[in-house]
N, C-alpha and C. Protein backbone atom coordinates (compact mmCIF):
# COMPACT_ATOMS: atom_id res chain seq x y z
N MET A 1 77.49 178.56 45.33
CA MET A 1 78.25 179.65 45.72
C MET A 1 79.63 179.34 45.23
N PRO A 2 80.17 179.27 44.30
CA PRO A 2 81.53 179.39 43.71
C PRO A 2 82.33 180.05 43.84
N SER A 3 82.19 181.01 44.94
CA SER A 3 83.33 182.03 45.83
C SER A 3 83.98 182.01 46.86
N ILE A 4 83.45 180.56 47.54
CA ILE A 4 83.83 179.81 48.96
C ILE A 4 85.02 179.66 48.60
N ASN A 5 86.06 179.94 49.63
CA ASN A 5 87.54 179.27 49.70
C ASN A 5 87.46 179.14 50.93
N VAL A 6 87.02 179.42 51.99
CA VAL A 6 87.50 179.65 53.62
C VAL A 6 86.29 178.69 53.77
N ILE A 7 86.57 177.39 54.85
CA ILE A 7 85.38 177.23 55.14
C ILE A 7 85.88 177.39 57.38
N ILE A 8 84.63 177.35 57.97
CA ILE A 8 85.48 177.91 59.41
C ILE A 8 84.24 176.61 60.13
N CYS A 9 84.78 175.20 60.22
CA CYS A 9 84.07 174.42 61.14
C CYS A 9 84.29 174.36 62.65
N TYR A 10 82.97 174.79 63.47
CA TYR A 10 82.65 175.35 64.78
C TYR A 10 82.99 173.47 65.27
N ASN A 11 82.39 172.96 64.93
CA ASN A 11 81.99 171.42 65.50
C ASN A 11 83.27 170.66 65.39
N ALA A 12 83.82 169.75 65.78
CA ALA A 12 84.45 168.39 65.75
C ALA A 12 84.34 167.44 64.23
N MET A 13 84.73 166.95 64.09
CA MET A 13 84.61 166.52 62.88
C MET A 13 84.72 164.67 63.19
N LYS A 14 83.66 163.92 63.07
CA LYS A 14 84.02 162.68 63.36
C LYS A 14 84.53 161.43 62.20
N ASP A 15 84.49 162.07 61.10
CA ASP A 15 85.45 160.80 60.50
C ASP A 15 85.74 161.61 59.29
N SER A 16 86.57 160.73 57.98
CA SER A 16 87.25 161.16 57.36
C SER A 16 86.21 161.36 56.04
N VAL A 17 84.96 161.24 55.88
CA VAL A 17 83.92 161.59 55.01
C VAL A 17 83.51 163.03 55.57
N GLU A 18 83.46 162.69 56.84
CA GLU A 18 83.00 164.68 57.00
C GLU A 18 83.82 166.14 56.77
N LEU A 19 84.95 165.28 56.92
CA LEU A 19 86.35 166.37 56.24
C LEU A 19 86.09 166.34 54.78
N THR A 20 85.84 165.26 54.29
CA THR A 20 85.96 165.31 52.78
C THR A 20 84.65 166.48 52.46
N GLN A 21 83.15 165.93 52.98
CA GLN A 21 82.02 167.07 52.78
C GLN A 21 82.67 168.22 52.72
N ARG A 22 83.00 168.78 54.55
CA ARG A 22 83.24 169.74 53.89
C ARG A 22 84.70 170.50 53.21
N PHE A 23 85.33 169.86 52.83
CA PHE A 23 85.80 170.51 51.38
C PHE A 23 85.49 170.49 50.34
N GLY A 24 83.90 169.87 50.21
CA GLY A 24 83.46 169.30 49.04
C GLY A 24 82.59 170.77 49.11
N ARG A 25 82.14 171.02 49.80
CA ARG A 25 81.31 172.45 50.41
C ARG A 25 81.58 173.68 49.28
N ALA A 26 83.37 174.22 49.61
CA ALA A 26 83.90 175.15 48.80
C ALA A 26 83.65 174.85 46.94
N ARG A 27 83.85 174.07 46.89
CA ARG A 27 83.56 173.62 45.14
C ARG A 27 85.06 173.90 44.20
N GLN A 28 86.31 173.85 45.25
CA GLN A 28 87.08 174.62 44.67
C GLN A 28 89.28 174.02 45.05
N LYS A 29 89.50 173.65 44.47
CA LYS A 29 90.98 173.24 44.66
C LYS A 29 91.75 173.61 46.03
N ASP A 30 91.80 175.20 46.24
CA ASP A 30 92.07 176.02 47.02
C ASP A 30 91.63 176.31 48.16
N VAL A 31 91.09 175.66 49.28
CA VAL A 31 90.21 175.84 50.11
C VAL A 31 90.71 176.01 51.44
N THR A 32 90.88 176.65 52.53
CA THR A 32 91.59 176.86 53.48
C THR A 32 90.56 176.46 54.37
N LEU A 33 90.43 175.27 55.76
CA LEU A 33 89.66 175.06 56.27
C LEU A 33 90.23 175.44 57.92
N ILE A 34 89.53 175.62 58.81
CA ILE A 34 89.41 176.70 59.80
C ILE A 34 89.08 175.53 60.80
N VAL A 35 89.41 174.98 61.78
CA VAL A 35 88.49 174.11 62.38
C VAL A 35 88.68 174.59 63.74
N MET A 36 87.61 174.68 64.71
CA MET A 36 87.63 175.47 66.14
C MET A 36 87.54 174.01 67.04
N GLU A 37 87.47 173.23 66.40
CA GLU A 37 87.54 172.40 67.87
C GLU A 37 87.94 171.01 67.10
N GLU A 38 88.46 170.22 67.48
CA GLU A 38 88.63 168.78 67.40
C GLU A 38 88.40 168.00 68.25
N ARG A 39 88.37 166.21 67.97
CA ARG A 39 88.90 165.61 68.96
C ARG A 39 90.02 165.06 69.08
N ASP A 40 90.34 164.64 70.34
CA ASP A 40 92.56 164.20 70.70
C ASP A 40 91.87 162.88 70.11
N ASP A 41 90.90 162.24 69.64
CA ASP A 41 91.09 160.48 69.51
C ASP A 41 91.15 160.89 67.34
N ARG A 42 90.70 161.90 67.30
CA ARG A 42 91.25 161.79 65.61
C ARG A 42 91.16 162.88 65.00
N PRO A 43 92.70 163.66 65.45
CA PRO A 43 92.67 164.83 64.62
C PRO A 43 92.39 165.39 63.52
N VAL A 44 92.61 166.41 62.93
CA VAL A 44 92.26 166.59 61.47
C VAL A 44 92.97 166.18 60.49
N THR A 45 94.48 166.04 61.28
CA THR A 45 96.15 165.70 60.00
C THR A 45 95.41 164.00 60.13
N ARG A 46 95.13 163.37 61.32
CA ARG A 46 94.84 162.11 61.08
C ARG A 46 93.78 161.84 60.17
N LEU A 47 92.59 162.51 60.17
CA LEU A 47 91.52 162.46 59.63
C LEU A 47 91.72 162.50 57.43
N GLN A 48 92.70 163.37 57.86
CA GLN A 48 93.48 164.13 56.16
C GLN A 48 94.01 162.85 55.69
N GLU A 49 94.92 162.53 56.64
CA GLU A 49 96.25 160.54 56.35
C GLU A 49 94.77 159.90 55.09
N VAL A 50 93.66 159.59 56.44
CA VAL A 50 92.39 158.34 55.73
C VAL A 50 92.16 159.01 54.39
N GLU A 51 91.60 160.28 54.60
CA GLU A 51 90.45 160.94 53.03
C GLU A 51 91.93 160.62 52.40
N GLU A 52 93.10 161.15 51.82
CA GLU A 52 94.49 160.98 51.38
C GLU A 52 94.51 159.28 51.05
N LEU A 53 93.78 158.32 51.77
CA LEU A 53 94.47 157.07 51.68
C LEU A 53 93.30 156.17 50.39
N GLN A 54 91.77 156.90 50.96
CA GLN A 54 90.77 156.44 50.63
C GLN A 54 91.07 156.77 48.72
N THR A 55 91.17 158.13 48.98
CA THR A 55 91.39 158.64 47.11
C THR A 55 92.16 158.25 46.39
N GLU A 56 93.62 157.40 47.25
CA GLU A 56 94.18 156.73 46.06
C GLU A 56 93.68 154.98 46.09
N ASN A 57 93.44 155.64 46.99
CA ASN A 57 92.10 153.50 46.57
C ASN A 57 91.39 153.71 46.32
N VAL A 58 90.64 154.74 45.77
CA VAL A 58 89.80 155.08 44.38
C VAL A 58 90.55 155.18 43.29
N ILE A 59 91.01 155.33 43.19
CA ILE A 59 92.31 156.36 42.28
C ILE A 59 92.77 155.19 41.07
N SER A 60 93.37 154.11 42.68
CA SER A 60 94.12 152.89 41.75
C SER A 60 93.64 151.56 41.63
N PHE A 61 92.05 152.11 42.16
CA PHE A 61 91.33 151.14 41.65
C PHE A 61 90.77 150.48 40.23
N ASP A 62 91.12 149.26 39.96
CA ASP A 62 91.02 148.46 38.39
C ASP A 62 89.74 147.47 38.70
N LEU A 63 88.88 147.88 38.15
CA LEU A 63 88.05 146.50 38.58
C LEU A 63 87.83 145.24 37.72
N SER A 64 89.11 145.83 36.48
CA SER A 64 89.50 144.94 35.39
C SER A 64 90.55 143.82 35.45
N LYS A 65 91.04 143.97 36.49
CA LYS A 65 91.89 142.93 37.40
C LYS A 65 91.37 142.27 38.58
N PRO A 66 91.58 141.06 38.82
CA PRO A 66 91.09 140.09 39.49
C PRO A 66 91.34 140.52 41.36
N ALA A 67 90.94 140.84 42.26
CA ALA A 67 91.19 140.96 43.31
C ALA A 67 92.10 140.00 43.87
N ASN A 68 93.06 140.13 44.46
CA ASN A 68 93.53 139.23 45.26
C ASN A 68 93.80 139.06 46.48
N ASN A 69 92.45 138.54 46.85
CA ASN A 69 92.58 138.69 48.87
C ASN A 69 91.88 137.66 48.63
N GLU A 70 92.53 136.36 48.24
CA GLU A 70 92.00 134.69 48.56
C GLU A 70 93.11 134.65 49.96
N LYS A 71 93.89 135.19 50.25
CA LYS A 71 94.94 134.95 51.19
C LYS A 71 94.00 136.07 52.47
N ASN A 72 93.81 137.24 52.16
CA ASN A 72 93.30 137.66 53.04
C ASN A 72 91.90 136.89 53.72
N THR A 73 91.24 136.82 52.47
CA THR A 73 90.00 136.29 53.24
C THR A 73 89.75 134.90 53.86
N THR A 74 91.25 133.96 54.03
CA THR A 74 91.61 133.14 54.68
C THR A 74 91.46 133.39 55.72
N ILE A 75 92.83 134.25 56.04
CA ILE A 75 93.21 135.45 57.13
C ILE A 75 92.11 135.84 58.21
N HIS A 76 91.04 136.32 57.76
CA HIS A 76 90.44 137.37 58.38
C HIS A 76 88.82 136.35 58.93
N GLN A 77 88.73 134.84 57.77
CA GLN A 77 87.67 134.13 58.33
C GLN A 77 88.46 133.32 59.87
N ARG A 78 89.91 133.21 59.47
CA ARG A 78 90.62 132.28 60.45
C ARG A 78 90.40 133.36 61.85
N ASP A 79 90.60 134.45 61.92
CA ASP A 79 90.63 135.28 63.31
C ASP A 79 88.78 135.96 63.36
N ARG A 80 87.45 135.82 62.51
CA ARG A 80 86.61 135.45 62.89
C ARG A 80 86.15 134.08 63.43
N GLU A 81 86.54 133.55 63.59
CA GLU A 81 86.31 132.08 63.67
C GLU A 81 86.49 131.83 64.89
N HIS A 82 88.47 132.32 65.08
CA HIS A 82 89.01 131.99 66.69
C HIS A 82 88.16 132.97 67.67
N ALA A 83 87.85 134.39 67.21
CA ALA A 83 86.93 135.31 68.44
C ALA A 83 85.64 134.23 68.86
N ALA A 84 84.83 133.66 67.70
CA ALA A 84 83.59 133.46 67.83
C ALA A 84 83.86 132.35 68.50
N LEU A 85 84.78 131.55 68.78
CA LEU A 85 85.32 130.48 69.31
C LEU A 85 85.30 130.70 71.23
N LYS A 86 86.04 131.73 70.87
CA LYS A 86 86.94 132.32 72.09
C LYS A 86 85.68 132.53 73.20
N LEU A 87 84.55 133.30 72.48
CA LEU A 87 83.21 133.48 72.86
C LEU A 87 82.70 132.54 73.19
N MET A 88 82.56 131.53 72.49
CA MET A 88 81.81 130.33 72.51
C MET A 88 82.19 129.57 73.94
N LEU A 89 83.05 129.48 73.75
CA LEU A 89 83.86 128.66 74.99
C LEU A 89 84.20 129.53 76.50
N ALA A 90 84.19 131.04 76.68
CA ALA A 90 83.31 131.97 77.91
C ALA A 90 82.16 131.73 77.71
N LYS A 91 81.31 131.59 76.59
CA LYS A 91 80.44 131.46 77.67
C LYS A 91 79.05 130.12 78.54
N ASN A 92 80.15 128.93 78.03
CA ASN A 92 80.00 127.56 78.40
C ASN A 92 78.73 127.65 78.63
N ASP A 93 77.75 127.81 77.68
CA ASP A 93 76.31 127.55 78.13
C ASP A 93 75.55 126.70 77.11
N CYS A 94 76.35 125.71 76.54
CA CYS A 94 76.13 125.31 75.17
C CYS A 94 74.96 124.19 75.76
N CYS A 95 75.03 123.72 76.72
CA CYS A 95 74.04 122.79 76.84
C CYS A 95 72.02 123.26 76.86
N SER A 96 72.15 124.71 77.34
CA SER A 96 71.26 124.82 78.06
C SER A 96 70.50 125.61 76.89
N ASN A 97 71.42 126.27 75.80
CA ASN A 97 70.50 126.83 74.64
C ASN A 97 71.80 126.81 73.10
N PRO A 98 72.12 125.60 72.67
CA PRO A 98 72.64 125.69 71.22
C PRO A 98 72.34 126.26 70.01
N ILE A 99 71.22 125.85 70.12
CA ILE A 99 70.95 126.72 68.89
C ILE A 99 70.95 128.06 69.32
N SER A 100 70.77 129.27 69.87
CA SER A 100 71.46 130.15 70.20
C SER A 100 72.68 130.86 70.04
N LEU A 101 73.45 129.41 70.28
CA LEU A 101 74.73 129.89 70.86
C LEU A 101 75.48 129.58 69.56
N PHE A 102 75.09 127.94 68.54
CA PHE A 102 75.35 127.73 67.10
C PHE A 102 74.49 129.13 65.84
N ASN A 103 73.38 130.21 66.08
CA ASN A 103 73.23 130.77 65.50
C ASN A 103 74.22 131.80 65.65
N GLU A 104 74.27 131.77 67.07
CA GLU A 104 74.95 132.97 66.85
C GLU A 104 76.99 133.14 66.25
N PHE A 105 77.51 132.00 66.89
CA PHE A 105 78.90 131.86 65.65
C PHE A 105 78.46 131.67 64.71
N VAL A 106 77.68 131.51 64.04
CA VAL A 106 77.45 130.94 62.50
C VAL A 106 77.32 132.76 61.78
N GLN A 107 76.54 133.06 62.84
CA GLN A 107 76.23 135.46 62.47
C GLN A 107 78.28 136.22 62.71
N LYS A 108 78.88 134.81 63.75
CA LYS A 108 79.90 136.40 63.89
C LYS A 108 80.85 135.50 62.38
N THR A 109 80.96 134.22 62.27
CA THR A 109 82.12 134.18 61.29
C THR A 109 81.54 134.06 60.16
N LYS A 110 80.50 135.18 59.51
CA LYS A 110 79.91 135.33 58.31
C LYS A 110 79.75 133.75 57.24
N ALA A 111 79.29 132.54 58.46
CA ALA A 111 79.06 131.47 57.79
C ALA A 111 77.78 130.72 56.84
N TYR A 112 77.56 130.01 56.54
CA TYR A 112 76.76 129.55 55.74
C TYR A 112 75.95 128.62 56.69
N VAL A 113 74.62 128.08 56.91
CA VAL A 113 74.30 126.85 57.07
C VAL A 113 72.87 126.61 56.78
N HIS A 114 72.89 125.10 56.05
CA HIS A 114 72.27 124.82 55.34
C HIS A 114 71.60 123.52 55.86
N GLU A 115 70.32 124.01 56.13
CA GLU A 115 69.46 123.02 56.68
C GLU A 115 68.78 122.04 55.94
N GLY A 116 69.31 120.72 56.13
CA GLY A 116 68.88 119.66 55.72
C GLY A 116 66.93 118.84 55.81
N GLU A 117 66.18 118.95 55.04
CA GLU A 117 64.77 118.36 55.13
C GLU A 117 64.54 117.38 56.41
N MET A 118 63.52 118.32 57.42
CA MET A 118 62.98 117.70 58.29
C MET A 118 62.49 116.04 58.02
N THR A 119 62.98 115.01 58.96
CA THR A 119 62.16 114.09 58.84
C THR A 119 61.74 113.25 60.04
N LYS A 120 60.79 112.53 59.81
CA LYS A 120 59.98 112.09 60.89
C LYS A 120 59.70 110.66 60.95
N ASP A 121 60.79 109.65 61.85
CA ASP A 121 60.81 108.28 61.54
C ASP A 121 59.52 107.37 62.05
N GLU A 122 59.27 106.12 62.05
CA GLU A 122 57.98 105.62 62.51
C GLU A 122 57.70 105.57 64.04
N SER A 123 58.58 105.94 64.86
CA SER A 123 58.81 106.08 66.07
C SER A 123 58.27 106.99 66.29
N GLY A 124 58.51 108.41 65.36
CA GLY A 124 57.59 109.79 66.00
C GLY A 124 58.80 110.81 66.13
N LYS A 125 60.14 110.06 66.12
CA LYS A 125 60.96 110.94 66.38
C LYS A 125 61.71 111.91 65.31
N PHE A 126 61.69 112.95 65.26
CA PHE A 126 62.61 113.98 64.58
C PHE A 126 63.94 113.94 63.81
N HIS A 127 64.54 114.22 62.63
CA HIS A 127 65.89 113.97 62.63
C HIS A 127 66.00 115.27 61.61
N CYS A 128 67.26 116.00 62.06
CA CYS A 128 67.46 116.55 60.56
C CYS A 128 69.25 117.22 60.54
N LYS A 129 69.52 117.79 60.03
CA LYS A 129 70.72 117.92 59.23
C LYS A 129 71.19 119.14 59.19
N PHE A 130 72.35 119.90 59.59
CA PHE A 130 73.09 120.85 59.39
C PHE A 130 73.73 120.73 58.88
N VAL A 131 74.48 121.87 57.51
CA VAL A 131 75.78 122.22 56.96
C VAL A 131 76.55 123.45 57.39
N TYR A 132 77.73 123.58 58.33
CA TYR A 132 78.42 124.84 58.14
C TYR A 132 79.20 125.04 57.20
N GLU A 133 79.27 125.87 56.65
CA GLU A 133 79.93 126.17 55.54
C GLU A 133 80.64 127.47 55.66
N SER A 134 82.01 127.58 55.92
CA SER A 134 82.97 128.99 55.97
C SER A 134 83.63 129.24 54.92
N GLU A 135 84.54 130.08 54.51
CA GLU A 135 85.91 130.21 54.08
C GLU A 135 86.70 128.84 54.06
N LEU A 136 87.33 128.35 55.76
CA LEU A 136 87.95 127.83 55.79
C LEU A 136 88.09 126.21 55.83
N ARG A 137 86.12 125.76 56.34
CA ARG A 137 85.64 124.90 56.56
C ARG A 137 84.49 124.16 56.12
N THR A 138 84.15 122.58 56.09
CA THR A 138 82.46 122.67 56.16
C THR A 138 82.38 121.42 57.42
N LEU A 139 81.67 121.46 58.10
CA LEU A 139 81.16 120.70 59.09
C LEU A 139 79.51 120.18 58.83
N ASP A 140 79.90 119.10 58.85
CA ASP A 140 78.45 118.36 59.40
C ASP A 140 77.75 117.83 60.24
N GLY A 141 76.67 118.18 60.57
CA GLY A 141 75.81 117.76 61.85
C GLY A 141 74.45 116.99 61.69
N SER A 142 74.15 115.83 62.48
CA SER A 142 72.76 115.58 62.76
C SER A 142 72.65 115.12 64.14
N GLY A 143 70.67 115.50 63.99
CA GLY A 143 70.99 115.70 65.47
C GLY A 143 69.22 114.81 65.30
N SER A 144 69.01 115.01 66.38
CA SER A 144 67.18 114.02 66.72
C SER A 144 66.73 114.54 67.97
N GLY A 145 65.73 114.26 67.76
CA GLY A 145 64.46 114.85 69.30
C GLY A 145 63.17 114.08 69.17
N TRP A 146 62.17 114.47 70.27
CA TRP A 146 61.13 114.16 69.98
C TRP A 146 60.72 115.89 69.47
N ASN A 147 60.72 116.33 69.21
CA ASN A 147 60.30 117.61 68.51
C ASN A 147 61.17 118.34 67.65
N LYS A 148 60.56 119.08 66.42
CA LYS A 148 61.64 119.32 66.08
C LYS A 148 63.00 120.49 66.34
N LYS A 149 62.44 121.23 67.46
CA LYS A 149 63.68 121.87 67.89
C LYS A 149 64.68 121.28 68.72
N SER A 150 63.53 120.09 69.50
CA SER A 150 64.85 119.24 70.14
C SER A 150 65.99 118.67 69.01
N ALA A 151 65.69 118.73 67.89
CA ALA A 151 66.29 118.10 66.61
C ALA A 151 67.28 118.81 66.35
N ARG A 152 66.58 119.85 66.30
CA ARG A 152 67.75 121.12 65.75
C ARG A 152 68.75 121.59 66.92
N ALA A 153 68.42 121.25 68.04
CA ALA A 153 69.01 121.30 69.01
C ALA A 153 70.42 121.06 69.20
N ASP A 154 70.04 119.39 69.13
CA ASP A 154 71.07 118.14 69.25
C ASP A 154 71.72 118.21 68.29
N CYS A 155 71.17 118.58 66.73
CA CYS A 155 72.29 118.63 65.27
C CYS A 155 73.15 119.68 65.97
N SER A 156 72.69 121.37 66.45
CA SER A 156 73.42 122.19 66.63
C SER A 156 74.52 121.55 67.68
N LEU A 157 74.55 121.42 69.03
CA LEU A 157 75.32 120.58 69.51
C LEU A 157 76.36 119.79 69.04
N VAL A 158 76.10 119.00 68.22
CA VAL A 158 77.12 117.91 67.44
C VAL A 158 78.48 119.39 67.15
N ILE A 159 77.61 120.04 66.28
CA ILE A 159 78.54 120.72 65.25
C ILE A 159 79.02 121.93 66.29
N ILE A 160 78.79 122.23 67.64
CA ILE A 160 79.13 122.77 68.24
C ILE A 160 80.32 122.20 68.84
N GLU A 161 80.65 120.97 69.41
CA GLU A 161 80.82 119.93 69.91
C GLU A 161 82.62 119.42 69.07
N GLN A 162 82.34 119.53 67.50
CA GLN A 162 82.80 119.23 66.29
C GLN A 162 84.06 120.94 66.92
N LEU A 163 83.70 122.12 66.23
CA LEU A 163 84.14 123.72 66.47
C LEU A 163 84.96 123.11 68.67
N LYS A 164 84.62 122.61 68.71
CA LYS A 164 85.42 122.74 70.08
C LYS A 164 86.62 121.82 70.07
N THR A 165 86.49 120.92 68.94
CA THR A 165 87.59 120.26 69.39
C THR A 165 88.49 120.64 67.95
N LEU A 166 87.51 120.96 66.95
CA LEU A 166 89.23 121.84 66.25
C LEU A 166 89.94 122.96 67.03
N ALA A 167 89.02 123.78 67.94
CA ALA A 167 89.63 124.89 68.96
C ALA A 167 90.34 124.31 69.55
N MET A 168 90.65 122.74 70.01
CA MET A 168 91.25 121.63 71.00
C MET A 168 92.96 122.10 70.12
N THR A 169 92.88 122.33 68.72
CA THR A 169 94.07 121.25 67.83
C THR A 169 94.24 122.70 67.26
N LYS A 170 93.50 123.74 67.71
CA LYS A 170 94.26 125.15 67.35
C LYS A 170 93.84 125.28 65.94
N MET A 171 92.95 125.10 65.28
CA MET A 171 91.70 125.25 64.03
C MET A 171 93.05 125.02 62.87
């Protein structure tokens, strides 16, 4: 339908992508958009500003230039770790389920955990090692227990205690 130049929107748009799609339906540059209902928290003028910013970012993007995101990456990682630490300290149940708490922290901080080989000594005790790696830091933790789960829990608790110590020193 190449002759469409007026679009009437009866429902509120939820984001700038939807706005772009509505304009795209006309397939013309000179299009009038009539909005019958808009959200209070997302007026059409704000959606247009976001769309213009996104278009500008796409146009100015140059794959041949290296991204200068090292500083931003560090700031974002620090913010993630700080927020995750606050949540972890607020829960205050690290002793009841340290594996779950540690896994949640790792997930929220977008970090990596490498689990070393689980070993069993001659007394029957299991030993394991975790290495927590984020953009900011690397932490090692070793744990042991009479079964694999308790060894992992002990190892998780060791790293949690290191993280708490870091929190006290403002990371």
